[in-house]
Amino acid sequence: MDNEWHWGYKRRFGLVYVDFETGGRRIVKESGRFYKKVIGGNGEILQRLEAWH
């Protein structure tokens, strides 16, 4: 079983935050913005980060 199913709505997973109090408004998290850079640059940023460490 995935953790997402176990925790239901109590834990937040994913790249987008869903604000249920405002009717389900979606807000992209920092991890979502980073992923956008990764896919937009075909993973090049990951190679630069790996070289930096």
Protein backbone atom coordinates (compact mmCIF):
# COMPACT_ATOMS: atom_id res chain seq x y z
CA MET A 1 0.00 0.00 0.00
CA ASP A 2 1.27 3.49 -0.85
CA ASN A 3 1.62 5.98 1.98
CA GLU A 4 -0.72 8.37 0.20
CA TRP A 5 -3.63 5.97 0.61
CA HIS A 6 -2.77 5.21 4.20
CA TRP A 7 -2.70 8.86 5.33
CA GLY A 8 -5.66 10.06 3.26
CA TYR A 9 -6.02 13.85 3.51
CA LYS A 10 -3.96 14.17 6.69
CA ARG A 11 -0.52 14.15 5.05
CA ARG A 12 0.34 16.21 2.00
CA PHE A 13 2.22 14.60 -0.88
CA GLY A 14 2.97 15.68 -4.41
CA LEU A 15 4.11 18.71 -6.33
CA VAL A 16 0.95 20.76 -5.83
CA TYR A 17 -0.74 21.86 -2.61
CA VAL A 18 -4.53 21.66 -2.68
CA ASP A 19 -6.26 24.16 -0.41
CA PHE A 20 -9.53 22.43 0.44
CA GLU A 21 -10.75 25.41 2.45
CA THR A 22 -10.89 27.59 -0.69
CA GLY A 23 -12.69 25.08 -2.87
CA GLY A 24 -9.67 23.09 -3.98
CA ARG A 25 -7.40 25.93 -5.15
CA ARG A 26 -4.11 24.44 -6.32
CA ILE A 27 -0.78 26.02 -5.42
CA VAL A 28 2.44 24.73 -6.94
CA LYS A 29 4.95 23.82 -4.24
CA GLU A 30 8.68 24.59 -4.39
CA SER A 31 9.27 20.96 -5.39
CA GLY A 32 6.85 21.44 -8.31
CA ARG A 33 8.74 24.53 -9.51
CA PHE A 34 12.02 22.62 -9.27
CA TYR A 35 10.57 19.69 -11.24
CA LYS A 36 9.45 22.12 -13.93
CA LYS A 37 13.09 23.27 -14.26
CA VAL A 38 14.26 19.65 -14.43
CA ILE A 39 11.93 18.64 -17.23
CA GLY A 40 12.28 21.97 -19.03
CA GLY A 41 16.05 21.56 -19.17
CA ASN A 42 15.95 17.83 -19.95
CA GLY A 43 17.58 17.02 -16.60
CA GLU A 44 20.61 19.24 -17.12
CA ILE A 45 20.14 20.94 -13.74
CA LEU A 46 20.49 17.57 -12.02
CA GLN A 47 23.90 17.05 -13.58
CA ARG A 48 25.02 20.49 -12.40
CA LEU A 49 23.76 19.78 -8.88
CA GLU A 50 25.51 16.42 -8.83
CA ALA A 51 28.78 18.04 -9.92
CA TRP A 52 28.40 20.67 -7.20
CA HIS A 53 28.15 18.07 -4.42
